[in-house]
């Protein structure tokens, strides 16, 4: 797989990557059968090696994307979310101060 093809893989969704992985698995199975028949052994072995490598790259990208999905909710809040939290804290402090004055 060329570097440009690998970079394009990173832009695909997980579902598309899994479809691609299935096609690589089918191609690899066909190549393994061809090697076991001992016809065109030299070329098929090289192609099988390349397909295994491509499959591994696709599965690596899938696992990376799944890990990123798990980490996304745990990512730090944006500046807008931080400002909303600060505003809520200020409102809570103000209402507590008003309640304390009313209680006295």
N, C-alpha and C. Protein backbone atom coordinates (compact mmCIF):
# COMPACT_ATOMS: atom_id res chain seq x y z
N UNK A 1 0.85 -1.17 0.00
CA UNK A 1 0.00 0.00 0.00
C UNK A 1 0.90 1.23 0.00
N UNK A 2 0.58 2.15 -0.87
CA UNK A 2 1.37 3.37 -0.96
C UNK A 2 1.01 4.31 0.19
N UNK A 3 1.89 5.25 0.42
CA UNK A 3 1.69 6.21 1.51
C UNK A 3 0.40 7.00 1.31
N UNK A 4 0.11 7.39 0.06
CA UNK A 4 -1.12 8.15 -0.21
C UNK A 4 -2.35 7.31 0.07
N UNK A 5 -2.29 6.02 -0.27
CA UNK A 5 -3.42 5.13 0.03
C UNK A 5 -3.62 4.99 1.53
N UNK A 6 -2.52 4.91 2.26
CA UNK A 6 -2.61 4.79 3.71
C UNK A 6 -3.20 6.05 4.32
N UNK A 7 -2.83 7.22 3.79
CA UNK A 7 -3.39 8.47 4.30
C UNK A 7 -4.88 8.56 4.00
N UNK A 8 -5.31 8.00 2.86
CA UNK A 8 -6.73 7.99 2.54
C UNK A 8 -7.50 7.07 3.48
N UNK A 9 -6.84 6.00 3.93
CA UNK A 9 -7.48 5.09 4.89
C UNK A 9 -7.86 5.81 6.17
N UNK A 10 -7.02 6.72 6.59
CA UNK A 10 -7.27 7.43 7.84
C UNK A 10 -8.52 8.29 7.78
N UNK A 11 -8.93 8.68 6.57
CA UNK A 11 -10.11 9.53 6.42
C UNK A 11 -11.41 8.74 6.33
N UNK A 12 -11.32 7.41 6.18
CA UNK A 12 -12.52 6.59 6.07
C UNK A 12 -13.14 6.32 7.43
N UNK A 13 -14.41 5.96 7.40
CA UNK A 13 -15.10 5.61 8.64
C UNK A 13 -14.75 4.18 9.03
N UNK A 14 -15.10 3.81 10.24
CA UNK A 14 -14.79 2.47 10.72
C UNK A 14 -15.53 1.42 9.89
N UNK A 15 -16.77 1.69 9.53
CA UNK A 15 -17.54 0.73 8.74
C UNK A 15 -16.88 0.50 7.38
N UNK A 16 -16.43 1.57 6.74
CA UNK A 16 -15.76 1.44 5.44
C UNK A 16 -14.45 0.67 5.59
N UNK A 17 -13.75 0.92 6.68
CA UNK A 17 -12.49 0.22 6.91
C UNK A 17 -12.73 -1.28 7.13
N UNK A 18 -13.79 -1.62 7.83
CA UNK A 18 -14.09 -3.03 8.06
C UNK A 18 -14.46 -3.74 6.76
N UNK A 19 -15.15 -3.03 5.87
CA UNK A 19 -15.47 -3.60 4.55
C UNK A 19 -14.19 -3.85 3.77
N UNK A 20 -13.28 -2.88 3.84
CA UNK A 20 -11.99 -3.02 3.16
C UNK A 20 -11.20 -4.19 3.75
N UNK A 21 -11.24 -4.34 5.06
CA UNK A 21 -10.53 -5.44 5.71
C UNK A 21 -11.10 -6.78 5.26
N UNK A 22 -12.41 -6.88 5.12
CA UNK A 22 -13.02 -8.13 4.64
C UNK A 22 -12.57 -8.47 3.23
N UNK A 23 -12.49 -7.44 2.37
CA UNK A 23 -12.03 -7.71 1.01
C UNK A 23 -10.57 -8.15 0.99
N UNK A 24 -9.74 -7.56 1.86
CA UNK A 24 -8.35 -8.00 1.95
C UNK A 24 -8.26 -9.44 2.45
N UNK A 25 -9.13 -9.80 3.38
CA UNK A 25 -9.13 -11.17 3.90
C UNK A 25 -9.50 -12.18 2.81
N UNK A 26 -10.51 -11.81 1.99
CA UNK A 26 -10.92 -12.70 0.90
C UNK A 26 -9.79 -12.86 -0.12
N UNK A 27 -9.16 -11.73 -0.47
CA UNK A 27 -8.04 -11.79 -1.41
C UNK A 27 -6.90 -12.63 -0.85
N UNK A 28 -6.63 -12.47 0.42
CA UNK A 28 -5.56 -13.23 1.06
C UNK A 28 -5.88 -14.72 1.07
N UNK A 29 -7.14 -15.07 1.32
CA UNK A 29 -7.53 -16.48 1.31
C UNK A 29 -7.34 -17.08 -0.09
N UNK A 30 -7.70 -16.33 -1.12
CA UNK A 30 -7.51 -16.81 -2.49
C UNK A 30 -6.03 -17.00 -2.80
N UNK A 31 -5.20 -16.07 -2.34
CA UNK A 31 -3.77 -16.18 -2.59
C UNK A 31 -3.16 -17.37 -1.85
N UNK A 32 -3.63 -17.62 -0.64
CA UNK A 32 -3.11 -18.76 0.12
C UNK A 32 -3.47 -20.06 -0.58
N UNK A 33 -4.69 -20.13 -1.13
CA UNK A 33 -5.07 -21.32 -1.88
C UNK A 33 -4.20 -21.50 -3.12
N UNK A 34 -3.88 -20.41 -3.79
CA UNK A 34 -3.04 -20.48 -4.98
C UNK A 34 -1.63 -20.94 -4.62
N UNK A 35 -1.13 -20.49 -3.49
CA UNK A 35 0.21 -20.89 -3.05
C UNK A 35 0.21 -22.37 -2.69
N UNK A 36 -0.88 -22.84 -2.06
CA UNK A 36 -0.94 -24.24 -1.67
C UNK A 36 -1.02 -25.16 -2.89
N UNK A 37 -1.57 -24.64 -4.00
CA UNK A 37 -1.61 -25.42 -5.24
C UNK A 37 -0.25 -25.44 -5.94
N UNK A 38 0.65 -24.60 -5.47
CA UNK A 38 2.02 -24.50 -5.99
C UNK A 38 2.05 -24.07 -7.46
N UNK A 39 1.14 -23.18 -7.82
CA UNK A 39 1.19 -22.58 -9.15
C UNK A 39 1.56 -21.12 -8.98
N UNK A 40 2.49 -20.62 -9.74
CA UNK A 40 2.96 -19.23 -9.64
C UNK A 40 3.38 -18.92 -8.22
N UNK A 41 4.14 -19.79 -7.63
CA UNK A 41 4.46 -19.68 -6.21
C UNK A 41 5.18 -18.39 -5.86
N UNK A 42 6.15 -17.96 -6.65
CA UNK A 42 6.94 -16.78 -6.32
C UNK A 42 6.10 -15.52 -6.23
N UNK A 43 5.27 -15.28 -7.22
CA UNK A 43 4.46 -14.06 -7.23
C UNK A 43 3.38 -14.10 -6.14
N UNK A 44 2.76 -15.24 -5.97
CA UNK A 44 1.68 -15.34 -5.00
C UNK A 44 2.16 -15.14 -3.57
N UNK A 45 3.35 -15.61 -3.27
CA UNK A 45 3.89 -15.44 -1.93
C UNK A 45 4.12 -13.96 -1.65
N UNK A 46 4.66 -13.26 -2.64
CA UNK A 46 4.88 -11.82 -2.45
C UNK A 46 3.55 -11.08 -2.32
N UNK A 47 2.59 -11.45 -3.14
CA UNK A 47 1.27 -10.79 -3.05
C UNK A 47 0.60 -11.10 -1.71
N UNK A 48 0.74 -12.32 -1.24
CA UNK A 48 0.15 -12.69 0.05
C UNK A 48 0.79 -11.87 1.16
N UNK A 49 2.10 -11.70 1.10
CA UNK A 49 2.79 -10.89 2.10
C UNK A 49 2.28 -9.46 2.08
N UNK A 50 2.11 -8.89 0.89
CA UNK A 50 1.62 -7.51 0.77
C UNK A 50 0.18 -7.39 1.28
N UNK A 51 -0.65 -8.38 0.97
CA UNK A 51 -2.04 -8.34 1.43
C UNK A 51 -2.11 -8.44 2.95
N UNK A 52 -1.27 -9.27 3.53
CA UNK A 52 -1.24 -9.37 5.00
C UNK A 52 -0.85 -8.03 5.62
N UNK A 53 0.13 -7.40 5.00
CA UNK A 53 0.59 -6.10 5.50
C UNK A 53 -0.52 -5.06 5.37
N UNK A 54 -1.20 -5.05 4.22
CA UNK A 54 -2.30 -4.10 4.02
C UNK A 54 -3.43 -4.34 5.02
N UNK A 55 -3.74 -5.61 5.25
CA UNK A 55 -4.79 -5.95 6.22
C UNK A 55 -4.40 -5.47 7.61
N UNK A 56 -3.15 -5.66 7.97
CA UNK A 56 -2.68 -5.21 9.28
C UNK A 56 -2.78 -3.70 9.41
N UNK A 57 -2.46 -2.98 8.35
CA UNK A 57 -2.55 -1.52 8.39
C UNK A 57 -3.99 -1.06 8.56
N UNK A 58 -4.91 -1.70 7.85
CA UNK A 58 -6.32 -1.33 7.95
C UNK A 58 -6.83 -1.61 9.37
N UNK A 59 -6.49 -2.77 9.91
CA UNK A 59 -6.95 -3.11 11.25
C UNK A 59 -6.33 -2.20 12.31
N UNK A 60 -5.11 -1.74 12.07
CA UNK A 60 -4.48 -0.80 12.98
C UNK A 60 -5.22 0.53 13.00
N UNK A 61 -5.61 1.00 11.82
CA UNK A 61 -6.35 2.26 11.74
C UNK A 61 -7.71 2.10 12.42
N UNK A 62 -8.34 0.94 12.26
CA UNK A 62 -9.63 0.69 12.92
C UNK A 62 -9.48 0.77 14.43
N UNK A 63 -8.45 0.11 14.95
CA UNK A 63 -8.26 0.13 16.40
C UNK A 63 -7.92 1.52 16.91
N UNK A 64 -7.17 2.28 16.14
CA UNK A 64 -6.86 3.66 16.53
C UNK A 64 -8.12 4.50 16.58
N UNK A 65 -8.99 4.34 15.58
CA UNK A 65 -10.23 5.12 15.55
C UNK A 65 -11.15 4.74 16.69
N UNK A 66 -11.20 3.45 17.03
CA UNK A 66 -12.03 3.03 18.15
C UNK A 66 -11.52 3.59 19.46
N UNK A 67 -10.21 3.61 19.63
CA UNK A 67 -9.64 4.20 20.85
C UNK A 67 -9.93 5.69 20.92
N UNK A 68 -9.83 6.38 19.79
CA UNK A 68 -10.14 7.81 19.77
C UNK A 68 -11.59 8.06 20.12
N UNK A 69 -12.50 7.20 19.66
CA UNK A 69 -13.91 7.37 20.00
C UNK A 69 -14.14 7.22 21.50
N UNK A 70 -13.42 6.29 22.12
CA UNK A 70 -13.56 6.11 23.55
C UNK A 70 -13.02 7.31 24.32
N UNK A 71 -11.98 7.93 23.80
CA UNK A 71 -11.35 9.05 24.50
C UNK A 71 -12.04 10.38 24.24
N UNK A 72 -12.83 10.50 23.19
CA UNK A 72 -13.46 11.77 22.85
C UNK A 72 -14.30 12.34 23.98
N UNK A 73 -15.18 11.59 24.62
CA UNK A 73 -15.98 12.19 25.70
C UNK A 73 -15.13 12.63 26.88
N UNK A 74 -13.97 12.03 27.05
CA UNK A 74 -13.11 12.37 28.16
C UNK A 74 -12.17 13.53 27.85
N UNK A 75 -12.24 14.04 26.63
CA UNK A 75 -11.38 15.15 26.24
C UNK A 75 -11.73 16.40 27.04
N UNK A 76 -10.79 17.29 27.15
CA UNK A 76 -11.02 18.53 27.91
C UNK A 76 -12.11 19.36 27.26
N UNK A 77 -12.91 20.04 28.07
CA UNK A 77 -13.98 20.85 27.50
C UNK A 77 -13.40 22.06 26.75
N UNK A 78 -14.17 22.52 25.79
CA UNK A 78 -13.74 23.68 25.02
C UNK A 78 -13.86 24.93 25.88
N UNK A 79 -13.38 26.04 25.36
CA UNK A 79 -13.43 27.30 26.12
C UNK A 79 -14.87 27.73 26.38
N UNK A 80 -15.76 27.44 25.42
CA UNK A 80 -17.17 27.78 25.62
C UNK A 80 -17.76 26.99 26.78
N UNK A 81 -17.43 25.72 26.84
CA UNK A 81 -17.95 24.88 27.92
C UNK A 81 -17.38 25.33 29.25
N UNK A 82 -16.13 25.75 29.27
CA UNK A 82 -15.51 26.24 30.51
C UNK A 82 -16.20 27.50 30.98
N UNK A 83 -16.51 28.41 30.04
CA UNK A 83 -17.15 29.67 30.42
C UNK A 83 -18.56 29.42 30.96
N UNK A 84 -19.26 28.43 30.41
CA UNK A 84 -20.60 28.10 30.90
C UNK A 84 -20.50 27.58 32.33
N UNK A 85 -19.50 26.74 32.61
CA UNK A 85 -19.32 26.22 33.96
C UNK A 85 -19.01 27.34 34.94
N UNK A 86 -18.18 28.30 34.54
CA UNK A 86 -17.83 29.42 35.41
C UNK A 86 -19.07 30.26 35.69
N UNK A 87 -19.87 30.52 34.65
CA UNK A 87 -21.09 31.31 34.83
C UNK A 87 -22.07 30.60 35.78
N UNK A 88 -22.16 29.29 35.69
CA UNK A 88 -23.04 28.54 36.59
C UNK A 88 -22.56 28.66 38.02
N UNK A 89 -21.24 28.58 38.22
CA UNK A 89 -20.68 28.69 39.57
C UNK A 89 -20.97 30.07 40.15
N UNK A 90 -20.85 31.10 39.35
CA UNK A 90 -21.11 32.47 39.81
C UNK A 90 -22.57 32.61 40.21
N UNK A 91 -23.49 32.06 39.40
CA UNK A 91 -24.91 32.14 39.71
C UNK A 91 -25.23 31.40 41.00
N UNK A 92 -24.60 30.26 41.19
CA UNK A 92 -24.84 29.49 42.41
C UNK A 92 -24.36 30.27 43.62
N UNK A 93 -23.19 30.91 43.52
CA UNK A 93 -22.67 31.69 44.64
C UNK A 93 -23.58 32.87 44.94
N UNK A 94 -24.10 33.52 43.89
CA UNK A 94 -24.98 34.66 44.09
C UNK A 94 -26.27 34.23 44.78
N UNK A 95 -26.85 33.11 44.35
CA UNK A 95 -28.10 32.66 44.96
C UNK A 95 -27.88 32.23 46.40
N UNK A 96 -26.74 31.63 46.70
CA UNK A 96 -26.45 31.26 48.08
C UNK A 96 -26.30 32.50 48.95
N UNK A 97 -25.66 33.54 48.41
CA UNK A 97 -25.48 34.78 49.16
C UNK A 97 -26.83 35.44 49.43
N UNK A 98 -27.72 35.42 48.47
CA UNK A 98 -29.05 36.01 48.61
C UNK A 98 -29.84 35.23 49.65
N UNK A 99 -29.74 33.92 49.62
CA UNK A 99 -30.46 33.07 50.59
C UNK A 99 -29.95 33.31 52.00
N UNK A 100 -28.66 33.50 52.15
CA UNK A 100 -28.08 33.74 53.47
C UNK A 100 -28.53 35.09 54.03
N UNK A 101 -28.61 36.10 53.16
CA UNK A 101 -29.08 37.41 53.61
C UNK A 101 -30.54 37.36 54.00
N UNK A 102 -31.32 36.58 53.25
CA UNK A 102 -32.74 36.45 53.56
C UNK A 102 -32.97 35.69 54.86
N UNK A 103 -32.09 34.80 55.19
CA UNK A 103 -32.22 33.99 56.40
C UNK A 103 -31.86 34.79 57.64
N UNK A 104 -31.06 35.81 57.50
CA UNK A 104 -30.60 36.61 58.65
C UNK A 104 -31.65 37.55 59.03
